[in-house]
Amino acid sequence: GLDNFRTESLISWLQRLSWEMRADEPWARLLASQIHVRAGDLDAALADIDAAVSTCESAGDEWGLYHALSAKECVLFWRGDLEEAVTTCEAALSHASSNAQRLHSYLSMGSASLDRRDWITARTAFAAAEDLSQHASTAELARAQALRAHADYFRGDYQRALSESPAVDWGSIAPTLASGILNTKGLVETGLANYAAALAHFDEAQAI
């Protein structure tokens, strides 16, 4: 949910909290980690997330622990620690309390496996996510479709990747997801030598 808010808002919220709450409250640590991610300081983000994981584990807070592990997986993915990201998705799944959470983690697992070219794990994860698709939000459906297109791109099937790419209302999903989808579209168009279309997608992603 934090993806939908401006960085200035997140910083403002964190600054209103006491130093004690920033240190001891796991949700405050997750808020701080999101700010660090946006600044590109992934090590600091992981430190805050690991503190949140530890606190939630000690308190037996399954809901909080799922969200902390989900946040950790995301940071590990962007750091390029893909094997650890998959392992963290598996850990998050063991603490998920809803099908929507399971769907999200399976898509994340598939995404990291895709970047590792681990086709078997990716296919298994995406199949599990497909079985839960009735619980998906508009954003998750768009993400799932974009990941299918990305898989086709990696396999060199550019025409299929283009047909799989989602056409969504950018205002209905988070900017990070929208820009990712547009980047994938640009990659696919580049593979098809449709350079003007590719540049248009990249320019729109940059603007978002």
C-alpha atoms as a PDB file:
ATOM      1  CA  GLY A   1       0.000   0.000   0.000  1.00  0.00           C
ATOM      2  CA  LEU A   2       2.882   2.398   0.648  1.00  0.00           C
ATOM      3  CA  ASP A   3       3.721   2.340  -3.067  1.00  0.00           C
ATOM      4  CA  ASN A   4       0.704   4.576  -3.656  1.00  0.00           C
ATOM      5  CA  PHE A   5       2.025   7.476  -1.577  1.00  0.00           C
ATOM      6  CA  ARG A   6       4.569  10.154  -2.352  1.00  0.00           C
ATOM      7  CA  THR A   7       7.985   9.920  -0.711  1.00  0.00           C
ATOM      8  CA  GLU A   8       7.435  13.284   0.974  1.00  0.00           C
ATOM      9  CA  SER A   9       4.328  11.892   2.678  1.00  0.00           C
ATOM     10  CA  LEU A  10       6.164   8.843   3.976  1.00  0.00           C
ATOM     11  CA  ILE A  11       8.980  10.985   5.372  1.00  0.00           C
ATOM     12  CA  SER A  12       6.459  13.304   7.012  1.00  0.00           C
ATOM     13  CA  TRP A  13       4.682  10.396   8.701  1.00  0.00           C
ATOM     14  CA  LEU A  14       7.923   8.932  10.011  1.00  0.00           C
ATOM     15  CA  GLN A  15       9.127  12.288  11.344  1.00  0.00           C
ATOM     16  CA  ARG A  16       5.951  12.667  13.416  1.00  0.00           C
ATOM     17  CA  LEU A  17       6.762   9.521  15.397  1.00  0.00           C
ATOM     18  CA  SER A  18       8.868   9.510  18.544  1.00  0.00           C
ATOM     19  CA  TRP A  19      12.378   8.116  18.380  1.00  0.00           C
ATOM     20  CA  GLU A  20      11.274   5.279  20.668  1.00  0.00           C
ATOM     21  CA  MET A  21       8.454   4.301  18.328  1.00  0.00           C
ATOM     22  CA  ARG A  22      10.722   4.496  15.292  1.00  0.00           C
ATOM     23  CA  ALA A  23      13.104   2.060  16.991  1.00  0.00           C
ATOM     24  CA  ASP A  24      10.625  -0.342  18.605  1.00  0.00           C
ATOM     25  CA  GLU A  25       7.497  -0.399  16.410  1.00  0.00           C
ATOM     26  CA  PRO A  26       7.856  -2.866  13.501  1.00  0.00           C
ATOM     27  CA  TRP A  27       5.451  -0.934  11.262  1.00  0.00           C
ATOM     28  CA  ALA A  28       7.544   2.185  11.754  1.00  0.00           C
ATOM     29  CA  ARG A  29      10.625   0.209  10.727  1.00  0.00           C
ATOM     30  CA  LEU A  30       8.818  -0.984   7.584  1.00  0.00           C
ATOM     31  CA  LEU A  31       7.850   2.604   6.798  1.00  0.00           C
ATOM     32  CA  ALA A  32      11.491   3.641   7.213  1.00  0.00           C
ATOM     33  CA  SER A  33      12.597   0.775   4.970  1.00  0.00           C
ATOM     34  CA  GLN A  34      10.318   1.995   2.178  1.00  0.00           C
ATOM     35  CA  ILE A  35      11.907   5.443   2.401  1.00  0.00           C
ATOM     36  CA  HIS A  36      15.387   3.883   2.214  1.00  0.00           C
ATOM     37  CA  VAL A  37      14.349   1.832  -0.842  1.00  0.00           C
ATOM     38  CA  ARG A  38      13.252   4.978  -2.653  1.00  0.00           C
ATOM     39  CA  ALA A  39      16.576   6.614  -1.821  1.00  0.00           C
ATOM     40  CA  GLY A  40      18.411   3.564  -3.168  1.00  0.00           C
ATOM     41  CA  ASP A  41      19.922   2.605   0.206  1.00  0.00           C
ATOM     42  CA  LEU A  42      18.950  -1.074   0.155  1.00  0.00           C
ATOM     43  CA  ASP A  43      21.320  -2.068   2.983  1.00  0.00           C
ATOM     44  CA  ALA A  44      19.623   0.391   5.344  1.00  0.00           C
ATOM     45  CA  ALA A  45      16.229  -0.851   4.144  1.00  0.00           C
ATOM     46  CA  LEU A  46      17.180  -4.452   4.942  1.00  0.00           C
ATOM     47  CA  ALA A  47      18.422  -3.472   8.404  1.00  0.00           C
ATOM     48  CA  ASP A  48      15.037  -1.915   9.223  1.00  0.00           C
ATOM     49  CA  ILE A  49      13.147  -4.871   7.759  1.00  0.00           C
ATOM     50  CA  ASP A  50      15.215  -7.424   9.676  1.00  0.00           C
ATOM     51  CA  ALA A  51      14.483  -5.494  12.884  1.00  0.00           C
ATOM     52  CA  ALA A  52      10.763  -5.628  12.039  1.00  0.00           C
ATOM     53  CA  VAL A  53      10.965  -9.370  11.316  1.00  0.00           C
ATOM     54  CA  SER A  54      12.682 -10.006  14.651  1.00  0.00           C
ATOM     55  CA  THR A  55      10.119  -7.959  16.609  1.00  0.00           C
ATOM     56  CA  CYS A  56       7.148  -9.632  14.895  1.00  0.00           C
ATOM     57  CA  GLU A  57       8.623 -13.086  15.495  1.00  0.00           C
ATOM     58  CA  SER A  58       9.135 -12.337  19.186  1.00  0.00           C
ATOM     59  CA  ALA A  59       5.573 -11.035  19.526  1.00  0.00           C
ATOM     60  CA  GLY A  60       4.027 -13.904  17.564  1.00  0.00           C
ATOM     61  CA  ASP A  61       2.579 -11.347  15.146  1.00  0.00           C
ATOM     62  CA  GLU A  62       1.843 -13.479  12.079  1.00  0.00           C
ATOM     63  CA  TRP A  63       0.192 -10.641  10.136  1.00  0.00           C
ATOM     64  CA  GLY A  64       3.121  -8.316  10.701  1.00  0.00           C
ATOM     65  CA  LEU A  65       5.652 -11.069  10.036  1.00  0.00           C
ATOM     66  CA  TYR A  66       4.108 -11.824   6.629  1.00  0.00           C
ATOM     67  CA  HIS A  67       4.305  -8.157   5.616  1.00  0.00           C
ATOM     68  CA  ALA A  68       7.871  -7.797   6.891  1.00  0.00           C
ATOM     69  CA  LEU A  69       9.000 -10.875   4.953  1.00  0.00           C
ATOM     70  CA  SER A  70       7.156  -9.675   1.859  1.00  0.00           C
ATOM     71  CA  ALA A  71       8.966  -6.328   2.124  1.00  0.00           C
ATOM     72  CA  LYS A  72      12.275  -8.160   2.580  1.00  0.00           C
ATOM     73  CA  GLU A  73      11.712 -10.239  -0.545  1.00  0.00           C
ATOM     74  CA  CYS A  74      11.170  -7.074  -2.550  1.00  0.00           C
ATOM     75  CA  VAL A  75      14.409  -5.474  -1.359  1.00  0.00           C
ATOM     76  CA  LEU A  76      16.365  -8.679  -1.970  1.00  0.00           C
ATOM     77  CA  PHE A  77      14.963  -8.802  -5.503  1.00  0.00           C
ATOM     78  CA  TRP A  78      16.118  -5.263  -6.254  1.00  0.00           C
ATOM     79  CA  ARG A  79      19.540  -6.033  -4.761  1.00  0.00           C
ATOM     80  CA  GLY A  80      19.851  -8.971  -7.127  1.00  0.00           C
ATOM     81  CA  ASP A  81      19.894 -11.551  -4.316  1.00  0.00           C
ATOM     82  CA  LEU A  82      17.431 -13.682  -6.261  1.00  0.00           C
ATOM     83  CA  GLU A  83      17.978 -17.040  -4.574  1.00  0.00           C
ATOM     84  CA  GLU A  84      17.501 -15.476  -1.153  1.00  0.00           C
ATOM     85  CA  ALA A  85      14.440 -13.634  -2.475  1.00  0.00           C
ATOM     86  CA  VAL A  86      12.840 -16.966  -3.450  1.00  0.00           C
ATOM     87  CA  THR A  87      13.667 -18.420  -0.029  1.00  0.00           C
ATOM     88  CA  THR A  88      12.110 -15.381   1.640  1.00  0.00           C
ATOM     89  CA  CYS A  89       8.950 -15.808  -0.468  1.00  0.00           C
ATOM     90  CA  GLU A  90       8.709 -19.380   0.808  1.00  0.00           C
ATOM     91  CA  ALA A  91       9.037 -18.106   4.373  1.00  0.00           C
ATOM     92  CA  ALA A  92       6.377 -15.453   3.762  1.00  0.00           C
ATOM     93  CA  LEU A  93       3.988 -18.088   2.395  1.00  0.00           C
ATOM     94  CA  SER A  94       4.255 -20.050   5.629  1.00  0.00           C
ATOM     95  CA  HIS A  95       2.931 -16.992   7.490  1.00  0.00           C
ATOM     96  CA  ALA A  96       0.311 -15.840   4.958  1.00  0.00           C
ATOM     97  CA  SER A  97      -3.194 -15.586   6.387  1.00  0.00           C
ATOM     98  CA  SER A  98      -5.199 -14.914   3.221  1.00  0.00           C
ATOM     99  CA  ASN A  99      -5.344 -16.111  -0.363  1.00  0.00           C
ATOM    100  CA  ALA A 100      -4.562 -12.577  -1.531  1.00  0.00           C
ATOM    101  CA  GLN A 101      -1.303 -12.713   0.422  1.00  0.00           C
ATOM    102  CA  ARG A 102      -0.486 -16.163  -0.978  1.00  0.00           C
ATOM    103  CA  LEU A 103      -1.167 -14.930  -4.494  1.00  0.00           C
ATOM    104  CA  HIS A 104       1.177 -11.968  -3.985  1.00  0.00           C
ATOM    105  CA  SER A 105       4.006 -14.152  -2.686  1.00  0.00           C
ATOM    106  CA  TYR A 106       3.639 -16.718  -5.467  1.00  0.00           C
ATOM    107  CA  LEU A 107       3.879 -13.942  -8.058  1.00  0.00           C
ATOM    108  CA  SER A 108       6.978 -12.595  -6.295  1.00  0.00           C
ATOM    109  CA  MET A 109       8.507 -16.059  -6.208  1.00  0.00           C
ATOM    110  CA  GLY A 110       7.787 -16.484  -9.909  1.00  0.00           C
ATOM    111  CA  SER A 111       9.292 -13.092 -10.690  1.00  0.00           C
ATOM    112  CA  ALA A 112      12.563 -13.815  -8.864  1.00  0.00           C
ATOM    113  CA  SER A 113      12.741 -17.313 -10.391  1.00  0.00           C
ATOM    114  CA  LEU A 114      12.173 -15.831 -13.826  1.00  0.00           C
ATOM    115  CA  ASP A 115      15.157 -13.509 -13.397  1.00  0.00           C
ATOM    116  CA  ARG A 116      17.227 -16.532 -12.309  1.00  0.00           C
ATOM    117  CA  ARG A 117      16.032 -18.408 -15.443  1.00  0.00           C
ATOM    118  CA  ASP A 118      14.715 -21.086 -13.083  1.00  0.00           C
ATOM    119  CA  TRP A 119      11.839 -22.022 -15.360  1.00  0.00           C
ATOM    120  CA  ILE A 120      10.554 -24.945 -13.268  1.00  0.00           C
ATOM    121  CA  THR A 121      10.130 -22.901 -10.073  1.00  0.00           C
ATOM    122  CA  ALA A 122       8.717 -19.987 -12.058  1.00  0.00           C
ATOM    123  CA  ARG A 123       6.113 -22.173 -13.782  1.00  0.00           C
ATOM    124  CA  THR A 124       5.136 -23.812 -10.487  1.00  0.00           C
ATOM    125  CA  ALA A 125       4.774 -20.446  -8.745  1.00  0.00           C
ATOM    126  CA  PHE A 126       2.775 -18.884 -11.574  1.00  0.00           C
ATOM    127  CA  ALA A 127       0.475 -21.928 -11.713  1.00  0.00           C
ATOM    128  CA  ALA A 128      -0.178 -21.612  -7.978  1.00  0.00           C
ATOM    129  CA  ALA A 129      -0.898 -17.907  -8.440  1.00  0.00           C
ATOM    130  CA  GLU A 130      -3.274 -18.660 -11.324  1.00  0.00           C
ATOM    131  CA  ASP A 131      -5.257 -20.990  -9.053  1.00  0.00           C
ATOM    132  CA  LEU A 132      -5.750 -18.038  -6.685  1.00  0.00           C
ATOM    133  CA  SER A 133      -6.513 -15.444  -9.373  1.00  0.00           C
ATOM    134  CA  GLN A 134     -10.113 -14.980  -8.197  1.00  0.00           C
ATOM    135  CA  HIS A 135      -8.657 -13.292  -5.112  1.00  0.00           C
ATOM    136  CA  ALA A 136      -6.543 -10.845  -7.124  1.00  0.00           C
ATOM    137  CA  SER A 137      -6.895  -7.089  -7.211  1.00  0.00           C
ATOM    138  CA  THR A 138      -6.704  -5.135 -10.465  1.00  0.00           C
ATOM    139  CA  ALA A 139      -3.048  -4.384  -9.744  1.00  0.00           C
ATOM    140  CA  GLU A 140      -2.159  -8.026  -9.046  1.00  0.00           C
ATOM    141  CA  LEU A 141      -3.915  -9.179 -12.221  1.00  0.00           C
ATOM    142  CA  ALA A 142      -1.901  -6.611 -14.197  1.00  0.00           C
ATOM    143  CA  ARG A 143       1.291  -7.738 -12.469  1.00  0.00           C
ATOM    144  CA  ALA A 144       0.570 -11.407 -13.254  1.00  0.00           C
ATOM    145  CA  GLN A 145      -0.081 -10.601 -16.905  1.00  0.00           C
ATOM    146  CA  ALA A 146       3.090  -8.505 -17.135  1.00  0.00           C
ATOM    147  CA  LEU A 147       5.135 -11.353 -15.663  1.00  0.00           C
ATOM    148  CA  ARG A 148       3.745 -13.758 -18.254  1.00  0.00           C
ATOM    149  CA  ALA A 149       4.808 -11.296 -20.942  1.00  0.00           C
ATOM    150  CA  HIS A 150       8.252 -11.044 -19.344  1.00  0.00           C
ATOM    151  CA  ALA A 151       8.583 -14.834 -19.392  1.00  0.00           C
ATOM    152  CA  ASP A 152       7.722 -14.883 -23.106  1.00  0.00           C
ATOM    153  CA  TYR A 153      10.297 -12.126 -23.695  1.00  0.00           C
ATOM    154  CA  PHE A 154      13.031 -14.124 -21.952  1.00  0.00           C
ATOM    155  CA  ARG A 155      12.179 -17.119 -24.142  1.00  0.00           C
ATOM    156  CA  GLY A 156      12.462 -14.995 -27.277  1.00  0.00           C
ATOM    157  CA  ASP A 157       8.760 -15.156 -28.159  1.00  0.00           C
ATOM    158  CA  TYR A 158       8.389 -11.397 -28.657  1.00  0.00           C
ATOM    159  CA  GLN A 159       5.076 -11.489 -30.530  1.00  0.00           C
ATOM    160  CA  ARG A 160       3.415 -13.468 -27.756  1.00  0.00           C
ATOM    161  CA  ALA A 161       4.998 -11.212 -25.152  1.00  0.00           C
ATOM    162  CA  LEU A 162       3.490  -8.191 -26.875  1.00  0.00           C
ATOM    163  CA  SER A 163       0.031  -9.772 -26.992  1.00  0.00           C
ATOM    164  CA  GLU A 164       0.337 -10.786 -23.305  1.00  0.00           C
ATOM    165  CA  SER A 165       1.366  -7.300 -22.139  1.00  0.00           C
ATOM    166  CA  PRO A 166      -1.445  -5.773 -20.077  1.00  0.00           C
ATOM    167  CA  ALA A 167      -3.345  -2.709 -21.184  1.00  0.00           C
ATOM    168  CA  VAL A 168      -4.365  -1.088 -17.903  1.00  0.00           C
ATOM    169  CA  ASP A 169      -5.431   2.270 -16.563  1.00  0.00           C
ATOM    170  CA  TRP A 170      -2.161   3.588 -15.125  1.00  0.00           C
ATOM    171  CA  GLY A 171      -4.123   5.521 -12.514  1.00  0.00           C
ATOM    172  CA  SER A 172      -5.422   2.270 -11.019  1.00  0.00           C
ATOM    173  CA  ILE A 173      -2.028   0.796 -10.067  1.00  0.00           C
ATOM    174  CA  ALA A 174       1.055   1.976  -8.179  1.00  0.00           C
ATOM    175  CA  PRO A 175       3.663   3.979 -10.142  1.00  0.00           C
ATOM    176  CA  THR A 176       6.341   1.330  -9.501  1.00  0.00           C
ATOM    177  CA  LEU A 177       4.185  -1.347 -11.119  1.00  0.00           C
ATOM    178  CA  ALA A 178       3.108   0.911 -13.976  1.00  0.00           C
ATOM    179  CA  SER A 179       6.699   1.833 -14.825  1.00  0.00           C
ATOM    180  CA  GLY A 180       7.743  -1.820 -14.663  1.00  0.00           C
ATOM    181  CA  ILE A 181       5.009  -2.834 -17.097  1.00  0.00           C
ATOM    182  CA  LEU A 182       5.984  -0.037 -19.467  1.00  0.00           C
ATOM    183  CA  ASN A 183       9.650  -1.043 -19.298  1.00  0.00           C
ATOM    184  CA  THR A 184       8.683  -4.603 -20.218  1.00  0.00           C
ATOM    185  CA  LYS A 185       6.632  -3.303 -23.143  1.00  0.00           C
ATOM    186  CA  GLY A 186       9.643  -1.275 -24.246  1.00  0.00           C
ATOM    187  CA  LEU A 187      11.927  -4.313 -24.078  1.00  0.00           C
ATOM    188  CA  VAL A 188       9.487  -6.355 -26.146  1.00  0.00           C
ATOM    189  CA  GLU A 189       9.123  -3.619 -28.773  1.00  0.00           C
ATOM    190  CA  THR A 190      12.931  -3.365 -28.937  1.00  0.00           C
ATOM    191  CA  GLY A 191      13.101  -7.109 -29.583  1.00  0.00           C
ATOM    192  CA  LEU A 192      10.647  -6.613 -32.449  1.00  0.00           C
ATOM    193  CA  ALA A 193      12.698  -3.663 -33.784  1.00  0.00           C
ATOM    194  CA  ASN A 194       9.744  -1.319 -33.200  1.00  0.00           C
ATOM    195  CA  TYR A 195      12.083   1.343 -31.851  1.00  0.00           C
ATOM    196  CA  ALA A 196       9.717   4.310 -31.946  1.00  0.00           C
ATOM    197  CA  ALA A 197       7.134   2.368 -29.915  1.00  0.00           C
ATOM    198  CA  ALA A 198       9.854   1.201 -27.510  1.00  0.00           C
ATOM    199  CA  LEU A 199      11.081   4.750 -26.916  1.00  0.00           C
ATOM    200  CA  ALA A 200       7.512   5.930 -26.331  1.00  0.00           C
ATOM    201  CA  HIS A 201       7.059   3.271 -23.625  1.00  0.00           C
ATOM    202  CA  PHE A 202      10.405   4.117 -22.000  1.00  0.00           C
ATOM    203  CA  ASP A 203       9.577   7.827 -22.024  1.00  0.00           C
ATOM    204  CA  GLU A 204       6.204   7.161 -20.377  1.00  0.00           C
ATOM    205  CA  ALA A 205       7.862   4.948 -17.750  1.00  0.00           C
ATOM    206  CA  GLN A 206      10.387   7.690 -17.002  1.00  0.00           C
ATOM    207  CA  ALA A 207       7.603  10.253 -16.659  1.00  0.00           C
ATOM    208  CA  ILE A 208       5.711   8.028 -14.220  1.00  0.00           C
END
